[in-house]
């Protein structure tokens, strides 16, 4: 009697547009953590701006923005960013979907 093994594998592809730029792990401090959410409107792309300024003028070392909805939304930096003390982020959703991003801004430790 022959035994036949059938191996079934499932491949799941998740397309999400995360933004991770700069240093978010070594010798940096999380200066700001924000969850940005925007409700959906049918047949409309939603656009949201997020502005952050470092109060003690320390320079931004890293930006991490994770798409919580795993959608085809896009995020880009319109001003400032790495090496500046401020950043402006622009998020745009898919048509008919909302936005939900988990944003972390990292600055260099004061000890360095």
PDB file of N, CA and C in Angstrom:
ATOM      1  N   UNK A   1       0.834  -1.168   0.000  1.00  0.00           N
ATOM      2  CA  UNK A   1       0.000   0.000   0.000  1.00  0.00           C
ATOM      3  C   UNK A   1       0.886   1.241   0.000  1.00  0.00           C
ATOM      4  N   UNK A   2       0.621   2.144  -0.898  1.00  0.00           N
ATOM      5  CA  UNK A   2       1.391   3.366  -1.018  1.00  0.00           C
ATOM      6  C   UNK A   2       0.659   4.512  -0.303  1.00  0.00           C
ATOM      7  N   UNK A   3       1.460   5.321   0.352  1.00  0.00           N
ATOM      8  CA  UNK A   3       0.895   6.489   1.025  1.00  0.00           C
ATOM      9  C   UNK A   3       1.357   7.722   0.260  1.00  0.00           C
ATOM     10  N   UNK A   4       0.423   8.565  -0.042  1.00  0.00           N
ATOM     11  CA  UNK A   4       0.721   9.782  -0.771  1.00  0.00           C
ATOM     12  C   UNK A   4       0.488  10.957   0.175  1.00  0.00           C
ATOM     13  N   UNK A   5       1.532  11.767   0.315  1.00  0.00           N
ATOM     14  CA  UNK A   5       1.411  12.964   1.130  1.00  0.00           C
ATOM     15  C   UNK A   5       1.166  14.145   0.205  1.00  0.00           C
ATOM     16  N   UNK A   6       0.196  14.911   0.542  1.00  0.00           N
ATOM     17  CA  UNK A   6      -0.131  16.090  -0.234  1.00  0.00           C
ATOM     18  C   UNK A   6       0.162  17.311   0.629  1.00  0.00           C
ATOM     19  N   UNK A   7       1.075  18.093   0.176  1.00  0.00           N
ATOM     20  CA  UNK A   7       1.453  19.297   0.896  1.00  0.00           C
ATOM     21  C   UNK A   7       0.803  20.488   0.213  1.00  0.00           C
ATOM     22  N   UNK A   8      -0.016  21.165   0.967  1.00  0.00           N
ATOM     23  CA  UNK A   8      -0.721  22.325   0.443  1.00  0.00           C
ATOM     24  C   UNK A   8      -0.180  23.556   1.164  1.00  0.00           C
ATOM     25  N   UNK A   9       0.276  24.472   0.400  1.00  0.00           N
ATOM     26  CA  UNK A   9       0.759  25.719   1.000  1.00  0.00           C
ATOM     27  C   UNK A   9      -0.110  26.867   0.500  1.00  0.00           C
ATOM     28  N   UNK A  10      -0.308  27.792   1.370  1.00  0.00           N
ATOM     29  CA  UNK A  10      -1.119  28.961   1.038  1.00  0.00           C
ATOM     30  C   UNK A  10      -0.205  30.173   1.079  1.00  0.00           C
ATOM     31  N   UNK A  11      -0.229  30.918   0.051  1.00  0.00           N
ATOM     32  CA  UNK A  11       0.565  32.132  -0.044  1.00  0.00           C
ATOM     33  C   UNK A  11      -0.382  33.320   0.065  1.00  0.00           C
ATOM     34  N   UNK A  12      -0.154  34.118   1.072  1.00  0.00           N
ATOM     35  CA  UNK A  12      -0.975  35.306   1.272  1.00  0.00           C
ATOM     36  C   UNK A  12      -0.093  36.518   1.012  1.00  0.00           C
ATOM     37  N   UNK A  13      -0.526  37.344   0.115  1.00  0.00           N
ATOM     38  CA  UNK A  13       0.213  38.547  -0.207  1.00  0.00           C
ATOM     39  C   UNK A  13      -0.569  39.740   0.336  1.00  0.00           C
ATOM     40  N   UNK A  14       0.084  40.480   1.192  1.00  0.00           N
ATOM     41  CA  UNK A  14      -0.540  41.674   1.746  1.00  0.00           C
ATOM     42  C   UNK A  14       0.200  42.867   1.178  1.00  0.00           C
ATOM     43  N   UNK A  15      -0.528  43.730   0.529  1.00  0.00           N
ATOM     44  CA  UNK A  15       0.071  44.920  -0.065  1.00  0.00           C
ATOM     45  C   UNK A  15      -0.261  46.101   0.830  1.00  0.00           C
ATOM     46  N   UNK A  16       0.724  46.613   1.494  1.00  0.00           N
ATOM     47  CA  UNK A  16       0.537  47.788   2.351  1.00  0.00           C
ATOM     48  C   UNK A  16       1.678  48.754   2.083  1.00  0.00           C
ATOM     49  N   UNK A  17       1.379  50.006   2.178  1.00  0.00           N
ATOM     50  CA  UNK A  17       2.392  51.024   1.938  1.00  0.00           C
ATOM     51  C   UNK A  17       2.832  51.619   3.264  1.00  0.00           C
ATOM     52  N   UNK A  18       3.888  51.065   3.823  1.00  0.00           N
ATOM     53  CA  UNK A  18       4.482  51.575   5.041  1.00  0.00           C
ATOM     54  C   UNK A  18       5.601  52.537   4.655  1.00  0.00           C
ATOM     55  N   UNK A  19       5.876  53.471   5.542  1.00  0.00           N
ATOM     56  CA  UNK A  19       6.988  54.390   5.329  1.00  0.00           C
ATOM     57  C   UNK A  19       7.914  54.265   6.521  1.00  0.00           C
ATOM     58  N   UNK A  20       9.125  53.770   6.289  1.00  0.00           N
ATOM     59  CA  UNK A  20      10.150  53.701   7.326  1.00  0.00           C
ATOM     60  C   UNK A  20      11.390  54.337   6.719  1.00  0.00           C
ATOM     61  N   UNK A  21      11.805  55.448   7.318  1.00  0.00           N
ATOM     62  CA  UNK A  21      12.930  56.184   6.770  1.00  0.00           C
ATOM     63  C   UNK A  21      13.821  56.630   7.915  1.00  0.00           C
ATOM     64  N   UNK A  22      15.119  56.525   7.726  1.00  0.00           N
ATOM     65  CA  UNK A  22      16.065  56.934   8.752  1.00  0.00           C
ATOM     66  C   UNK A  22      16.303  55.848   9.782  1.00  0.00           C
ATOM     67  N   UNK A  23      16.807  56.260  10.931  1.00  0.00           N
ATOM     68  CA  UNK A  23      17.165  55.349  12.016  1.00  0.00           C
ATOM     69  C   UNK A  23      16.006  55.276  13.006  1.00  0.00           C
ATOM     70  N   UNK A  24      15.440  54.080  13.183  1.00  0.00           N
ATOM     71  CA  UNK A  24      14.345  53.910  14.133  1.00  0.00           C
ATOM     72  C   UNK A  24      14.691  52.873  15.196  1.00  0.00           C
ATOM     73  N   UNK A  25      15.986  52.541  15.345  1.00  0.00           N
ATOM     74  CA  UNK A  25      16.325  51.494  16.303  1.00  0.00           C
ATOM     75  C   UNK A  25      17.504  51.812  17.205  1.00  0.00           C
ATOM     76  N   UNK A  26      18.588  52.348  16.700  1.00  0.00           N
ATOM     77  CA  UNK A  26      19.812  52.511  17.488  1.00  0.00           C
ATOM     78  C   UNK A  26      19.999  53.940  17.971  1.00  0.00           C
ATOM     79  N   UNK A  27      20.138  54.095  19.289  1.00  0.00           N
ATOM     80  CA  UNK A  27      20.475  55.378  19.920  1.00  0.00           C
ATOM     81  C   UNK A  27      19.504  56.496  19.563  1.00  0.00           C
ATOM     82  N   UNK A  28      18.253  56.160  19.410  1.00  0.00           N
ATOM     83  CA  UNK A  28      17.224  57.161  19.152  1.00  0.00           C
ATOM     84  C   UNK A  28      16.104  56.996  20.174  1.00  0.00           C
ATOM     85  N   UNK A  29      15.352  58.067  20.366  1.00  0.00           N
ATOM     86  CA  UNK A  29      14.248  58.088  21.312  1.00  0.00           C
ATOM     87  C   UNK A  29      12.959  58.380  20.560  1.00  0.00           C
ATOM     88  N   UNK A  30      11.905  57.686  20.926  1.00  0.00           N
ATOM     89  CA  UNK A  30      10.598  57.964  20.340  1.00  0.00           C
ATOM     90  C   UNK A  30      10.092  59.279  20.917  1.00  0.00           C
ATOM     91  N   UNK A  31      10.040  60.316  20.097  1.00  0.00           N
ATOM     92  CA  UNK A  31       9.632  61.642  20.557  1.00  0.00           C
ATOM     93  C   UNK A  31       8.123  61.833  20.460  1.00  0.00           C
ATOM     94  N   UNK A  32       7.491  61.190  19.482  1.00  0.00           N
ATOM     95  CA  UNK A  32       6.058  61.356  19.293  1.00  0.00           C
ATOM     96  C   UNK A  32       5.477  60.084  18.691  1.00  0.00           C
ATOM     97  N   UNK A  33       4.332  59.665  19.210  1.00  0.00           N
ATOM     98  CA  UNK A  33       3.607  58.518  18.673  1.00  0.00           C
ATOM     99  C   UNK A  33       2.163  58.940  18.489  1.00  0.00           C
ATOM    100  N   UNK A  34       1.647  58.784  17.278  1.00  0.00           N
ATOM    101  CA  UNK A  34       0.295  59.215  16.960  1.00  0.00           C
ATOM    102  C   UNK A  34      -0.365  58.184  16.058  1.00  0.00           C
ATOM    103  N   UNK A  35      -1.651  57.944  16.287  1.00  0.00           N
ATOM    104  CA  UNK A  35      -2.453  57.135  15.365  1.00  0.00           C
ATOM    105  C   UNK A  35      -3.350  58.108  14.606  1.00  0.00           C
ATOM    106  N   UNK A  36      -3.188  58.120  13.292  1.00  0.00           N
ATOM    107  CA  UNK A  36      -3.939  59.036  12.435  1.00  0.00           C
ATOM    108  C   UNK A  36      -5.024  58.235  11.732  1.00  0.00           C
ATOM    109  N   UNK A  37      -6.268  58.639  11.940  1.00  0.00           N
ATOM    110  CA  UNK A  37      -7.395  57.944  11.317  1.00  0.00           C
ATOM    111  C   UNK A  37      -8.288  58.951  10.616  1.00  0.00           C
ATOM    112  N   UNK A  38      -8.840  58.518   9.501  1.00  0.00           N
ATOM    113  CA  UNK A  38      -9.725  59.355   8.698  1.00  0.00           C
ATOM    114  C   UNK A  38     -10.785  58.429   8.121  1.00  0.00           C
ATOM    115  N   UNK A  39     -12.043  58.780   8.275  1.00  0.00           N
ATOM    116  CA  UNK A  39     -13.141  57.922   7.823  1.00  0.00           C
ATOM    117  C   UNK A  39     -13.261  57.908   6.301  1.00  0.00           C
ATOM    118  N   UNK A  40     -13.852  56.838   5.810  1.00  0.00           N
ATOM    119  CA  UNK A  40     -14.039  56.673   4.372  1.00  0.00           C
ATOM    120  C   UNK A  40     -15.301  57.385   3.904  1.00  0.00           C
ATOM    121  N   UNK A  41     -15.265  57.837   2.660  1.00  0.00           N
ATOM    122  CA  UNK A  41     -16.427  58.358   1.953  1.00  0.00           C
ATOM    123  C   UNK A  41     -16.497  57.582   0.642  1.00  0.00           C
ATOM    124  N   UNK A  42     -17.653  57.020   0.303  1.00  0.00           N
ATOM    125  CA  UNK A  42     -17.749  56.231  -0.935  1.00  0.00           C
ATOM    126  C   UNK A  42     -17.308  57.023  -2.161  1.00  0.00           C
ATOM    127  N   UNK A  43     -16.505  56.385  -2.991  1.00  0.00           N
ATOM    128  CA  UNK A  43     -16.027  56.903  -4.278  1.00  0.00           C
ATOM    129  C   UNK A  43     -15.098  58.113  -4.164  1.00  0.00           C
ATOM    130  N   UNK A  44     -14.569  58.399  -2.967  1.00  0.00           N
ATOM    131  CA  UNK A  44     -13.724  59.580  -2.775  1.00  0.00           C
ATOM    132  C   UNK A  44     -12.391  59.159  -2.175  1.00  0.00           C
ATOM    133  N   UNK A  45     -11.301  59.740  -2.696  1.00  0.00           N
ATOM    134  CA  UNK A  45      -9.986  59.551  -2.087  1.00  0.00           C
ATOM    135  C   UNK A  45      -9.836  60.571  -0.972  1.00  0.00           C
ATOM    136  N   UNK A  46      -9.450  60.112   0.228  1.00  0.00           N
ATOM    137  CA  UNK A  46      -9.285  61.010   1.364  1.00  0.00           C
ATOM    138  C   UNK A  46      -7.828  61.432   1.466  1.00  0.00           C
ATOM    139  N   UNK A  47      -7.598  62.711   1.729  1.00  0.00           N
ATOM    140  CA  UNK A  47      -6.253  63.257   1.883  1.00  0.00           C
ATOM    141  C   UNK A  47      -6.165  63.894   3.263  1.00  0.00           C
ATOM    142  N   UNK A  48      -5.114  63.536   3.984  1.00  0.00           N
ATOM    143  CA  UNK A  48      -4.915  64.050   5.341  1.00  0.00           C
ATOM    144  C   UNK A  48      -3.482  64.539   5.463  1.00  0.00           C
ATOM    145  N   UNK A  49      -3.300  65.706   6.079  1.00  0.00           N
ATOM    146  CA  UNK A  49      -1.981  66.260   6.342  1.00  0.00           C
ATOM    147  C   UNK A  49      -1.680  66.105   7.823  1.00  0.00           C
ATOM    148  N   UNK A  50      -0.432  65.793   8.157  1.00  0.00           N
ATOM    149  CA  UNK A  50       0.003  65.705   9.552  1.00  0.00           C
ATOM    150  C   UNK A  50       1.281  66.523   9.697  1.00  0.00           C
ATOM    151  N   UNK A  51       1.278  67.428  10.671  1.00  0.00           N
ATOM    152  CA  UNK A  51       2.421  68.307  10.908  1.00  0.00           C
ATOM    153  C   UNK A  51       2.986  68.020  12.291  1.00  0.00           C
ATOM    154  N   UNK A  52       4.305  67.904  12.382  1.00  0.00           N
ATOM    155  CA  UNK A  52       4.964  67.710  13.673  1.00  0.00           C
ATOM    156  C   UNK A  52       6.190  68.600  13.735  1.00  0.00           C
ATOM    157  N   UNK A  53       6.363  69.267  14.881  1.00  0.00           N
ATOM    158  CA  UNK A  53       7.528  70.111  15.114  1.00  0.00           C
ATOM    159  C   UNK A  53       8.128  69.733  16.455  1.00  0.00           C
ATOM    160  N   UNK A  54       9.430  69.531  16.499  1.00  0.00           N
ATOM    161  CA  UNK A  54      10.137  69.156  17.724  1.00  0.00           C
ATOM    162  C   UNK A  54      10.281  70.399  18.597  1.00  0.00           C
ATOM    163  N   UNK A  55       9.713  70.402  19.823  1.00  0.00           N
ATOM    164  CA  UNK A  55       9.734  71.618  20.640  1.00  0.00           C
ATOM    165  C   UNK A  55      11.131  72.062  21.085  1.00  0.00           C
ATOM    166  N   UNK A  56      12.045  71.135  21.361  1.00  0.00           N
ATOM    167  CA  UNK A  56      13.385  71.535  21.814  1.00  0.00           C
ATOM    168  C   UNK A  56      14.410  71.547  20.676  1.00  0.00           C
ATOM    169  N   UNK A  57      13.934  71.581  19.436  1.00  0.00           N
ATOM    170  CA  UNK A  57      14.754  71.729  18.237  1.00  0.00           C
ATOM    171  C   UNK A  57      15.770  70.608  18.016  1.00  0.00           C
ATOM    172  N   UNK A  58      15.552  69.420  18.631  1.00  0.00           N
ATOM    173  CA  UNK A  58      16.416  68.284  18.299  1.00  0.00           C
ATOM    174  C   UNK A  58      16.059  67.793  16.902  1.00  0.00           C
ATOM    175  N   UNK A  59      17.044  67.285  16.205  1.00  0.00           N
ATOM    176  CA  UNK A  59      16.834  66.856  14.821  1.00  0.00           C
ATOM    177  C   UNK A  59      16.175  65.487  14.767  1.00  0.00           C
ATOM    178  N   UNK A  60      15.290  65.326  13.798  1.00  0.00           N
ATOM    179  CA  UNK A  60      14.598  64.055  13.585  1.00  0.00           C
ATOM    180  C   UNK A  60      15.583  63.075  12.957  1.00  0.00           C
ATOM    181  N   UNK A  61      15.663  61.873  13.535  1.00  0.00           N
ATOM    182  CA  UNK A  61      16.561  60.830  13.043  1.00  0.00           C
ATOM    183  C   UNK A  61      15.822  59.739  12.267  1.00  0.00           C
ATOM    184  N   UNK A  62      14.519  59.555  12.553  1.00  0.00           N
ATOM    185  CA  UNK A  62      13.778  58.506  11.872  1.00  0.00           C
ATOM    186  C   UNK A  62      12.282  58.754  11.919  1.00  0.00           C
ATOM    187  N   UNK A  63      11.594  58.247  10.897  1.00  0.00           N
ATOM    188  CA  UNK A  63      10.140  58.338  10.807  1.00  0.00           C
ATOM    189  C   UNK A  63       9.631  56.959  10.426  1.00  0.00           C
ATOM    190  N   UNK A  64       8.645  56.489  11.177  1.00  0.00           N
ATOM    191  CA  UNK A  64       8.045  55.186  10.895  1.00  0.00           C
ATOM    192  C   UNK A  64       6.536  55.365  10.841  1.00  0.00           C
ATOM    193  N   UNK A  65       5.942  55.050   9.703  1.00  0.00           N
ATOM    194  CA  UNK A  65       4.493  55.160   9.525  1.00  0.00           C
ATOM    195  C   UNK A  65       3.995  53.829   8.985  1.00  0.00           C
ATOM    196  N   UNK A  66       3.179  53.142   9.772  1.00  0.00           N
ATOM    197  CA  UNK A  66       2.672  51.823   9.406  1.00  0.00           C
ATOM    198  C   UNK A  66       1.195  51.903   9.061  1.00  0.00           C
ATOM    199  N   UNK A  67       0.827  51.322   7.926  1.00  0.00           N
ATOM    200  CA  UNK A  67      -0.552  51.322   7.452  1.00  0.00           C
ATOM    201  C   UNK A  67      -1.329  50.246   8.207  1.00  0.00           C
ATOM    202  N   UNK A  68      -2.210  50.642   9.121  1.00  0.00           N
ATOM    203  CA  UNK A  68      -2.972  49.686   9.926  1.00  0.00           C
ATOM    204  C   UNK A  68      -4.034  48.941   9.124  1.00  0.00           C
ATOM    205  N   UNK A  69      -4.520  49.523   8.032  1.00  0.00           N
ATOM    206  CA  UNK A  69      -5.565  48.898   7.228  1.00  0.00           C
ATOM    207  C   UNK A  69      -4.998  47.989   6.137  1.00  0.00           C
ATOM    208  N   UNK A  70      -3.695  48.003   5.935  1.00  0.00           N
ATOM    209  CA  UNK A  70      -3.039  47.234   4.869  1.00  0.00           C
ATOM    210  C   UNK A  70      -3.704  47.524   3.519  1.00  0.00           C
ATOM    211  N   UNK A  71      -3.863  48.785   3.240  1.00  0.00           N
ATOM    212  CA  UNK A  71      -4.520  49.215   2.014  1.00  0.00           C
ATOM    213  C   UNK A  71      -3.480  49.701   1.009  1.00  0.00           C
ATOM    214  N   UNK A  72      -3.949  50.281  -0.049  1.00  0.00           N
ATOM    215  CA  UNK A  72      -3.057  50.848  -1.058  1.00  0.00           C
ATOM    216  C   UNK A  72      -2.915  52.355  -0.874  1.00  0.00           C
ATOM    217  N   UNK A  73      -3.088  52.809   0.354  1.00  0.00           N
ATOM    218  CA  UNK A  73      -2.917  54.231   0.646  1.00  0.00           C
ATOM    219  C   UNK A  73      -1.454  54.610   0.465  1.00  0.00           C
ATOM    220  N   UNK A  74      -1.200  55.895   0.235  1.00  0.00           N
ATOM    221  CA  UNK A  74       0.174  56.352   0.061  1.00  0.00           C
ATOM    222  C   UNK A  74       0.491  57.431   1.089  1.00  0.00           C
ATOM    223  N   UNK A  75       1.758  57.494   1.467  1.00  0.00           N
ATOM    224  CA  UNK A  75       2.227  58.513   2.390  1.00  0.00           C
ATOM    225  C   UNK A  75       3.538  59.045   1.862  1.00  0.00           C
ATOM    226  N   UNK A  76       3.705  60.373   1.924  1.00  0.00           N
ATOM    227  CA  UNK A  76       4.974  60.963   1.538  1.00  0.00           C
ATOM    228  C   UNK A  76       5.274  62.171   2.410  1.00  0.00           C
ATOM    229  N   UNK A  77       6.531  62.548   2.416  1.00  0.00           N
ATOM    230  CA  UNK A  77       6.999  63.691   3.191  1.00  0.00           C
ATOM    231  C   UNK A  77       6.999  64.900   2.269  1.00  0.00           C
ATOM    232  N   UNK A  78       6.279  65.949   2.664  1.00  0.00           N
ATOM    233  CA  UNK A  78       6.200  67.134   1.814  1.00  0.00           C
ATOM    234  C   UNK A  78       7.164  68.226   2.246  1.00  0.00           C
ATOM    235  N   UNK A  79       7.606  68.220   3.516  1.00  0.00           N
ATOM    236  CA  UNK A  79       8.570  69.221   3.989  1.00  0.00           C
ATOM    237  C   UNK A  79       9.265  68.672   5.223  1.00  0.00           C
ATOM    238  N   UNK A  80      10.497  69.125   5.441  1.00  0.00           N
ATOM    239  CA  UNK A  80      11.240  68.693   6.623  1.00  0.00           C
ATOM    240  C   UNK A  80      11.658  67.244   6.514  1.00  0.00           C
ATOM    241  N   UNK A  81      11.662  66.561   7.665  1.00  0.00           N
ATOM    242  CA  UNK A  81      12.004  65.145   7.685  1.00  0.00           C
ATOM    243  C   UNK A  81      13.315  64.887   8.385  1.00  0.00           C
ATOM    244  N   UNK A  82      14.080  63.922   7.889  1.00  0.00           N
ATOM    245  CA  UNK A  82      15.346  63.539   8.492  1.00  0.00           C
ATOM    246  C   UNK A  82      16.325  64.714   8.422  1.00  0.00           C
ATOM    247  N   UNK A  83      16.933  65.050   9.580  1.00  0.00           N
ATOM    248  CA  UNK A  83      17.880  66.147   9.636  1.00  0.00           C
ATOM    249  C   UNK A  83      17.250  67.494   9.927  1.00  0.00           C
ATOM    250  N   UNK A  84      15.947  67.545  10.031  1.00  0.00           N
ATOM    251  CA  UNK A  84      15.232  68.778  10.369  1.00  0.00           C
ATOM    252  C   UNK A  84      14.557  68.590  11.730  1.00  0.00           C
ATOM    253  N   UNK A  85      14.041  69.667  12.296  1.00  0.00           N
ATOM    254  CA  UNK A  85      13.325  69.566  13.570  1.00  0.00           C
ATOM    255  C   UNK A  85      11.812  69.534  13.353  1.00  0.00           C
ATOM    256  N   UNK A  86      11.370  69.420  12.115  1.00  0.00           N
ATOM    257  CA  UNK A  86       9.945  69.343  11.800  1.00  0.00           C
ATOM    258  C   UNK A  86       9.733  68.396  10.625  1.00  0.00           C
ATOM    259  N   UNK A  87       8.478  67.954  10.472  1.00  0.00           N
ATOM    260  CA  UNK A  87       8.126  67.115   9.333  1.00  0.00           C
ATOM    261  C   UNK A  87       6.652  67.344   8.990  1.00  0.00           C
ATOM    262  N   UNK A  88       6.349  67.356   7.708  1.00  0.00           N
ATOM    263  CA  UNK A  88       4.984  67.419   7.200  1.00  0.00           C
ATOM    264  C   UNK A  88       4.736  66.140   6.411  1.00  0.00           C
ATOM    265  N   UNK A  89       3.702  65.403   6.783  1.00  0.00           N
ATOM    266  CA  UNK A  89       3.360  64.148   6.112  1.00  0.00           C
ATOM    267  C   UNK A  89       2.027  64.307   5.393  1.00  0.00           C
ATOM    268  N   UNK A  90       1.929  63.740   4.203  1.00  0.00           N
ATOM    269  CA  UNK A  90       0.689  63.759   3.429  1.00  0.00           C
ATOM    270  C   UNK A  90       0.269  62.324   3.158  1.00  0.00           C
ATOM    271  N   UNK A  91      -0.951  61.986   3.565  1.00  0.00           N
ATOM    272  CA  UNK A  91      -1.496  60.647   3.360  1.00  0.00           C
ATOM    273  C   UNK A  91      -2.683  60.722   2.406  1.00  0.00           C
ATOM    274  N   UNK A  92      -2.758  59.766   1.489  1.00  0.00           N
ATOM    275  CA  UNK A  92      -3.875  59.706   0.546  1.00  0.00           C
ATOM    276  C   UNK A  92      -4.382  58.277   0.490  1.00  0.00           C
ATOM    277  N   UNK A  93      -5.687  58.107   0.687  1.00  0.00           N
ATOM    278  CA  UNK A  93      -6.286  56.776   0.744  1.00  0.00           C
ATOM    279  C   UNK A  93      -6.653  56.280  -0.650  1.00  0.00           C
ATOM    280  N   UNK A  94      -7.036  55.014  -0.689  1.00  0.00           N
ATOM    281  CA  UNK A  94      -7.636  54.469  -1.905  1.00  0.00           C
ATOM    282  C   UNK A  94      -9.014  55.093  -2.064  1.00  0.00           C
ATOM    283  N   UNK A  95      -9.557  55.002  -3.244  1.00  0.00           N
ATOM    284  CA  UNK A  95     -10.905  55.513  -3.471  1.00  0.00           C
ATOM    285  C   UNK A  95     -11.909  54.683  -2.662  1.00  0.00           C
ATOM    286  N   UNK A  96     -12.684  55.373  -1.836  1.00  0.00           N
ATOM    287  CA  UNK A  96     -13.728  54.715  -1.054  1.00  0.00           C
ATOM    288  C   UNK A  96     -13.256  54.063   0.238  1.00  0.00           C
ATOM    289  N   UNK A  97     -11.989  54.257   0.625  1.00  0.00           N
ATOM    290  CA  UNK A  97     -11.466  53.669   1.863  1.00  0.00           C
ATOM    291  C   UNK A  97     -10.950  54.761   2.777  1.00  0.00           C
ATOM    292  N   UNK A  98     -10.888  54.444   4.039  1.00  0.00           N
ATOM    293  CA  UNK A  98     -10.380  55.389   5.022  1.00  0.00           C
ATOM    294  C   UNK A  98      -8.875  55.270   5.194  1.00  0.00           C
ATOM    295  N   UNK A  99      -8.363  56.012   6.151  1.00  0.00           N
ATOM    296  CA  UNK A  99      -6.944  56.001   6.477  1.00  0.00           C
ATOM    297  C   UNK A  99      -6.762  55.589   7.931  1.00  0.00           C
ATOM    298  N   UNK A 100      -5.716  54.850   8.200  1.00  0.00           N
ATOM    299  CA  UNK A 100      -5.312  54.544   9.569  1.00  0.00           C
ATOM    300  C   UNK A 100      -3.815  54.267   9.554  1.00  0.00           C
ATOM    301  N   UNK A 101      -3.043  55.221  10.061  1.00  0.00           N
ATOM    302  CA  UNK A 101      -1.599  55.095  10.111  1.00  0.00           C
ATOM    303  C   UNK A 101      -1.121  55.226  11.545  1.00  0.00           C
ATOM    304  N   UNK A 102      -0.141  54.435  11.899  1.00  0.00           N
ATOM    305  CA  UNK A 102       0.528  54.489  13.195  1.00  0.00           C
ATOM    306  C   UNK A 102       1.873  55.167  12.947  1.00  0.00           C
ATOM    307  N   UNK A 103       2.024  56.419  13.408  1.00  0.00           N
ATOM    308  CA  UNK A 103       3.190  57.240  13.077  1.00  0.00           C
ATOM    309  C   UNK A 103       4.068  57.416  14.307  1.00  0.00           C
ATOM    310  N   UNK A 104       5.359  57.138  14.149  1.00  0.00           N
ATOM    311  CA  UNK A 104       6.347  57.369  15.199  1.00  0.00           C
ATOM    312  C   UNK A 104       7.454  58.262  14.679  1.00  0.00           C
ATOM    313  N   UNK A 105       7.799  59.299  15.449  1.00  0.00           N
ATOM    314  CA  UNK A 105       8.872  60.222  15.104  1.00  0.00           C
ATOM    315  C   UNK A 105      10.003  59.991  16.105  1.00  0.00           C
ATOM    316  N   UNK A 106      11.201  59.722  15.611  1.00  0.00           N
ATOM    317  CA  UNK A 106      12.352  59.402  16.454  1.00  0.00           C
ATOM    318  C   UNK A 106      13.388  60.515  16.362  1.00  0.00           C
ATOM    319  N   UNK A 107      13.931  60.906  17.534  1.00  0.00           N
ATOM    320  CA  UNK A 107      15.000  61.902  17.596  1.00  0.00           C
ATOM    321  C   UNK A 107      16.209  61.284  18.294  1.00  0.00           C
ATOM    322  N   UNK A 108      17.365  61.902  18.100  1.00  0.00           N
ATOM    323  CA  UNK A 108      18.595  61.385  18.711  1.00  0.00           C
ATOM    324  C   UNK A 108      18.551  61.577  20.219  1.00  0.00           C
ATOM    325  N   UNK A 109      19.090  60.587  20.968  1.00  0.00           N
ATOM    326  CA  UNK A 109      19.166  60.689  22.424  1.00  0.00           C
ATOM    327  C   UNK A 109      19.948  61.927  22.814  1.00  0.00           C
ATOM    328  N   UNK A 110      19.587  62.498  23.960  1.00  0.00           N
ATOM    329  CA  UNK A 110      20.311  63.680  24.448  1.00  0.00           C
ATOM    330  C   UNK A 110      21.723  63.327  24.892  1.00  0.00           C
ATOM    331  N   UNK A 111      21.948  62.066  25.242  1.00  0.00           N
ATOM    332  CA  UNK A 111      23.277  61.672  25.722  1.00  0.00           C
ATOM    333  C   UNK A 111      24.320  61.632  24.616  1.00  0.00           C
ATOM    334  N   UNK A 112      23.888  61.626  23.349  1.00  0.00           N
ATOM    335  CA  UNK A 112      24.833  61.549  22.223  1.00  0.00           C
ATOM    336  C   UNK A 112      25.108  62.900  21.698  1.00  0.00           C
TER     337      UNK A 112
END
